[in-house]
C-alpha atoms as a PDB file:
ATOM      1  CA  MET A   1      -3.392 -16.413   3.849  1.00  0.00           C
ATOM      2  CA  ASN A   2      -2.336 -14.828   6.660  1.00  0.00           C
ATOM      3  CA  VAL A   3      -1.861 -10.736   7.148  1.00  0.00           C
ATOM      4  CA  LYS A   4       1.814 -11.114   6.532  1.00  0.00           C
ATOM      5  CA  GLN A   5       2.132 -12.656   3.283  1.00  0.00           C
ATOM      6  CA  ALA A   6      -1.069  -9.496   2.349  1.00  0.00           C
ATOM      7  CA  VAL A   7       1.447  -7.245   3.114  1.00  0.00           C
ATOM      8  CA  ARG A   8       3.880  -8.707   1.518  1.00  0.00           C
ATOM      9  CA  ALA A   9       1.756  -9.242  -1.788  1.00  0.00           C
ATOM     10  CA  ALA A  10       0.932  -5.694  -1.778  1.00  0.00           C
ATOM     11  CA  ARG A  11       4.234  -4.415  -1.542  1.00  0.00           C
ATOM     12  CA  GLN A  12       5.384  -6.407  -4.508  1.00  0.00           C
ATOM     13  CA  MET A  13       2.629  -5.097  -6.345  1.00  0.00           C
ATOM     14  CA  LEU A  14       3.715  -1.210  -4.836  1.00  0.00           C
ATOM     15  CA  GLU A  15       7.279  -2.198  -5.865  1.00  0.00           C
ATOM     16  CA  SER A  16       6.913  -3.946  -9.351  1.00  0.00           C
ATOM     17  CA  LEU A  17       4.652  -0.460 -10.438  1.00  0.00           C
ATOM     18  CA  TYR A  18       6.780   2.154  -9.339  1.00  0.00           C
ATOM     19  CA  GLU A  19       9.668  -0.088 -10.702  1.00  0.00           C
ATOM     20  CA  GLY A  20      12.941   2.362 -11.941  1.00  0.00           C
ATOM     21  CA  ASP A  21      11.030   5.571  -9.776  1.00  0.00           C
ATOM     22  CA  GLN A  22      12.529   5.206  -6.050  1.00  0.00           C
ATOM     23  CA  ILE A  23      10.150   4.830  -3.161  1.00  0.00           C
ATOM     24  CA  PHE A  24      11.527   5.375   0.608  1.00  0.00           C
ATOM     25  CA  ASN A  25      10.546   4.701   3.536  1.00  0.00           C
ATOM     26  CA  VAL A  26       7.398   2.323   2.426  1.00  0.00           C
ATOM     27  CA  ARG A  27       5.412   1.517   6.142  1.00  0.00           C
ATOM     28  CA  VAL A  28       2.092  -0.429   6.389  1.00  0.00           C
ATOM     29  CA  GLU A  29      -0.540   2.423   7.681  1.00  0.00           C
ATOM     30  CA  GLU A  30      -3.989  -0.004   8.130  1.00  0.00           C
ATOM     31  CA  ILE A  31      -4.782  -2.939   7.595  1.00  0.00           C
ATOM     32  CA  GLU A  32      -8.391  -4.594   7.082  1.00  0.00           C
ATOM     33  CA  HIS A  33      -9.550  -7.914   6.829  1.00  0.00           C
ATOM     34  CA  SER A  34     -13.363  -8.014   5.196  1.00  0.00           C
ATOM     35  CA  ASP A  35     -16.060  -9.894   6.891  1.00  0.00           C
ATOM     36  CA  ASP A  36     -16.417 -12.313   4.865  1.00  0.00           C
ATOM     37  CA  GLU A  37     -12.619 -13.006   5.427  1.00  0.00           C
ATOM     38  CA  ARG A  38     -12.719 -13.501   1.524  1.00  0.00           C
ATOM     39  CA  THR A  39      -9.638 -10.374   1.111  1.00  0.00           C
ATOM     40  CA  TRP A  40      -7.265  -8.004   2.891  1.00  0.00           C
ATOM     41  CA  LEU A  41      -6.833  -4.203   2.179  1.00  0.00           C
ATOM     42  CA  ILE A  42      -3.898  -3.521   2.884  1.00  0.00           C
ATOM     43  CA  THR A  43      -2.770   0.752   2.835  1.00  0.00           C
ATOM     44  CA  LEU A  44       1.168   1.705   2.459  1.00  0.00           C
ATOM     45  CA  GLY A  45       2.774   5.102   2.564  1.00  0.00           C
ATOM     46  CA  PHE A  46       5.550   6.086   0.908  1.00  0.00           C
ATOM     47  CA  ASP A  47       7.336   8.715   0.016  1.00  0.00           C
ATOM     48  CA  PRO A  48       8.497   9.791  -3.106  1.00  0.00           C
ATOM     49  CA  THR A  49      11.523  11.793  -2.064  1.00  0.00           C
ATOM     50  CA  PRO A  50      14.057  10.828   0.595  1.00  0.00           C
ATOM     51  CA  LEU A  51      14.192  14.246   1.827  1.00  0.00           C
ATOM     52  CA  ALA A  52      10.177  14.448   1.863  1.00  0.00           C
ATOM     53  CA  ARG A  53       9.208  17.641   2.835  1.00  0.00           C
ATOM     54  CA  VAL A  54       6.088  18.703   4.675  1.00  0.00           C
ATOM     55  CA  ASP A  55       3.646  20.879   2.366  1.00  0.00           C
ATOM     56  CA  LEU A  56       0.254  21.311   3.368  1.00  0.00           C
ATOM     57  CA  ILE A  57      -0.673  21.442   0.223  1.00  0.00           C
ATOM     58  CA  HIS A  58       0.213  18.883  -1.523  1.00  0.00           C
ATOM     59  CA  PRO A  59       1.395  16.609   1.325  1.00  0.00           C
ATOM     60  CA  ALA A  60       5.276  14.003   0.405  1.00  0.00           C
ATOM     61  CA  ARG A  61       3.676  11.325   2.103  1.00  0.00           C
ATOM     62  CA  GLN A  62       1.644   9.350  -0.312  1.00  0.00           C
ATOM     63  CA  PHE A  63      -0.645   6.515   0.446  1.00  0.00           C
ATOM     64  CA  LYS A  64      -2.205   3.502  -1.977  1.00  0.00           C
ATOM     65  CA  GLN A  65      -4.516   0.415  -0.695  1.00  0.00           C
ATOM     66  CA  PHE A  66      -4.420  -2.510  -1.972  1.00  0.00           C
ATOM     67  CA  ARG A  67      -6.857  -5.218  -2.238  1.00  0.00           C
ATOM     68  CA  VAL A  68      -5.491  -8.785  -2.233  1.00  0.00           C
ATOM     69  CA  ASN A  69      -7.246 -11.821  -2.267  1.00  0.00           C
ATOM     70  CA  ALA A  70      -7.324 -13.849   0.354  1.00  0.00           C
ATOM     71  CA  GLN A  71      -6.802 -17.387  -0.675  1.00  0.00           C
ATOM     72  CA  THR A  72      -5.002 -17.115  -3.629  1.00  0.00           C
ATOM     73  CA  GLY A  73      -2.487 -13.739  -2.253  1.00  0.00           C
ATOM     74  CA  LYS A  74      -3.188 -12.069  -5.716  1.00  0.00           C
ATOM     75  CA  VAL A  75      -3.349  -8.523  -5.915  1.00  0.00           C
ATOM     76  CA  GLN A  76      -7.495  -7.624  -7.007  1.00  0.00           C
ATOM     77  CA  ALA A  77      -6.747  -3.498  -6.833  1.00  0.00           C
ATOM     78  CA  MET A  78      -4.820  -1.010  -6.373  1.00  0.00           C
ATOM     79  CA  ARG A  79      -6.485   2.981  -5.644  1.00  0.00           C
ATOM     80  CA  THR A  80      -4.644   5.988  -3.844  1.00  0.00           C
ATOM     81  CA  ARG A  81      -6.004   6.910  -0.507  1.00  0.00           C
ATOM     82  CA  LYS A  82      -6.242  10.059   0.243  1.00  0.00           C
ATOM     83  CA  VAL A  83      -5.977  11.019   3.846  1.00  0.00           C
ATOM     84  CA  GLY A  84      -7.405  14.346   5.109  1.00  0.00           C
END
């Protein structure tokens, strides 16, 4: 599985988990291929509203990191990625 396929798998999972909720401005923030090349770590950032406001205590932008199996394309894990 190449990096574009891994990103697509992560994005599809993000959109399916937030089905019914609106997410905006989804972007690839980080990509990492494990040393053993068995997994991809894909971090996607998104805004929960179309006009996300900047708030120093609770930033509007959210980040989710997905671990994608490089052989099967299956998303094995998702976690909230803290920035800062």
